[in-house]
C-alpha cells in the first residue's frame, strides 16, 4: 500500500510549468527537483517520510537531498543527506521553494555538503 504524500500547493503549481527542474549553485553544482512520480518512488524506496518527517523532493546528483519538512503545519525547505536520515541533521534553507528559486533565499546553505 502506498503512503499518501501531501505536497504544498507551490510544488503542484511548479509541476504544471515543468515536471523536473534543475538549477545551478556555484556554476557547476546543481540541484534537481524531481517530477511527482520520482518523489513518490524515491520516498517509498528509502522510507524517507517516516524516518525524517519530511518529503524528499530533489537531490544534488550525490548524497544531498532537498525536502519539504512539515514543522508546525507549515512546509519548509531543508537540505539533508541520504546517508544521515536523522531529522536533527537537516539544515533549514528557506520558508518556501518559491523564495528559494525566485529570490535566492537559502542558496548560501546549498553549497557542498
Protein backbone atom coordinates (compact mmCIF):
# COMPACT_ATOMS: atom_id res chain seq x y z
CA UNK A 1 0.00 0.00 0.00
CA UNK A 2 1.38 3.41 -0.97
CA UNK A 3 1.71 6.13 1.65
CA UNK A 4 -0.12 9.33 0.88
CA UNK A 5 2.27 12.22 0.26
CA UNK A 6 0.80 15.63 0.91
CA UNK A 7 2.57 18.34 -1.04
CA UNK A 8 2.27 22.11 -0.74
CA UNK A 9 0.38 23.95 -3.48
CA UNK A 10 3.59 25.65 -4.65
CA UNK A 11 5.08 22.27 -5.64
CA UNK A 12 1.93 21.29 -7.56
CA UNK A 13 1.99 24.66 -9.33
CA UNK A 14 5.66 24.25 -10.31
CA UNK A 15 4.94 20.83 -11.77
CA UNK A 16 2.36 22.38 -14.10
CA UNK A 17 5.17 24.52 -15.56
CA UNK A 18 7.94 21.89 -15.74
CA UNK A 19 7.97 18.30 -14.49
CA UNK A 20 11.63 18.27 -13.49
CA UNK A 21 13.70 21.33 -12.69
CA UNK A 22 17.49 21.69 -12.38
CA UNK A 23 19.18 24.79 -11.04
CA UNK A 24 22.83 25.55 -10.52
CA UNK A 25 24.62 26.80 -7.43
CA UNK A 26 28.26 27.88 -7.75
CA UNK A 27 28.44 27.29 -11.50
CA UNK A 28 28.84 23.53 -11.79
CA UNK A 29 26.99 22.26 -8.71
CA UNK A 30 23.32 21.60 -9.39
CA UNK A 31 20.16 20.63 -7.56
CA UNK A 32 17.25 18.85 -9.22
CA UNK A 33 13.58 18.89 -8.26
CA UNK A 34 12.02 15.56 -9.13
CA UNK A 35 8.81 15.05 -11.04
CA UNK A 36 5.84 13.81 -8.94
CA UNK A 37 6.40 10.16 -9.86
CA UNK A 38 10.06 10.41 -8.80
CA UNK A 39 9.02 11.96 -5.47
CA UNK A 40 6.72 9.03 -4.72
CA UNK A 41 9.19 6.35 -5.89
CA UNK A 42 12.23 7.67 -4.02
CA UNK A 43 10.35 8.43 -0.79
CA UNK A 44 8.94 4.89 -0.81
CA UNK A 45 12.26 3.27 -1.72
CA UNK A 46 14.10 4.95 1.15
CA UNK A 47 11.11 5.11 3.55
CA UNK A 48 12.17 8.73 3.90
CA UNK A 49 8.87 10.25 5.01
CA UNK A 50 8.50 8.02 8.08
CA UNK A 51 12.15 8.38 9.15
CA UNK A 52 12.61 12.13 8.78
CA UNK A 53 9.06 13.56 8.95
CA UNK A 54 9.70 15.19 5.59
CA UNK A 55 9.14 14.55 1.91
CA UNK A 56 12.25 14.41 -0.27
CA UNK A 57 11.62 16.41 -3.46
CA UNK A 58 15.04 16.55 -5.09
CA UNK A 59 18.75 15.86 -4.95
CA UNK A 60 22.16 17.16 -5.96
CA UNK A 61 23.15 14.12 -8.01
CA UNK A 62 25.03 12.78 -4.99
CA UNK A 63 24.18 12.37 -1.33
CA UNK A 64 22.33 15.68 -0.88
CA UNK A 65 18.54 15.75 -0.53
CA UNK A 66 16.18 18.69 -0.87
CA UNK A 67 13.00 18.18 1.13
CA UNK A 68 9.83 19.71 2.46
CA UNK A 69 9.85 19.43 6.24
CA UNK A 70 6.49 19.83 7.89
CA UNK A 71 7.01 21.75 11.11
CA UNK A 72 4.01 23.09 12.95
CA UNK A 73 1.83 22.54 9.91
CA UNK A 74 4.00 24.66 7.61
CA UNK A 75 6.16 23.17 4.88
CA UNK A 76 9.73 24.48 4.87
CA UNK A 77 12.60 23.68 2.54
CA UNK A 78 15.55 21.85 4.08
CA UNK A 79 18.73 20.13 2.95
CA UNK A 80 19.76 16.73 4.27
CA UNK A 81 21.77 13.68 3.26
CA UNK A 82 20.68 10.21 2.19
CA UNK A 83 23.40 8.81 4.46
CA UNK A 84 22.25 10.70 7.59
CA UNK A 85 18.49 10.50 7.90
CA UNK A 86 18.41 11.96 11.41
CA UNK A 87 15.76 14.73 11.33
CA UNK A 88 18.00 16.92 13.50
CA UNK A 89 20.78 16.76 10.87
CA UNK A 90 18.66 18.65 8.31
CA UNK A 91 19.63 22.23 7.51
CA UNK A 92 16.86 24.80 7.09
CA UNK A 93 17.11 26.60 3.75
CA UNK A 94 14.02 28.64 3.07
CA UNK A 95 10.38 29.08 4.08
CA UNK A 96 9.32 28.02 0.57
CA UNK A 97 10.62 26.69 -2.73
CA UNK A 98 9.35 29.87 -4.41
CA UNK A 99 11.53 32.07 -2.19
CA UNK A 100 14.49 29.77 -2.80
CA UNK A 101 14.19 29.76 -6.58
CA UNK A 102 12.87 33.26 -7.26
CA UNK A 103 14.72 35.32 -4.67
CA UNK A 104 17.65 33.07 -3.81
CA UNK A 105 16.71 32.86 -0.12
CA UNK A 106 18.63 29.85 1.21
CA UNK A 107 21.04 29.36 -1.71
CA UNK A 108 24.09 30.03 0.50
CA UNK A 109 23.20 26.98 2.61
CA UNK A 110 23.02 24.77 -0.51
CA UNK A 111 26.73 24.82 -1.10
CA UNK A 112 28.62 21.48 -0.88
CA UNK A 113 27.75 19.19 1.97
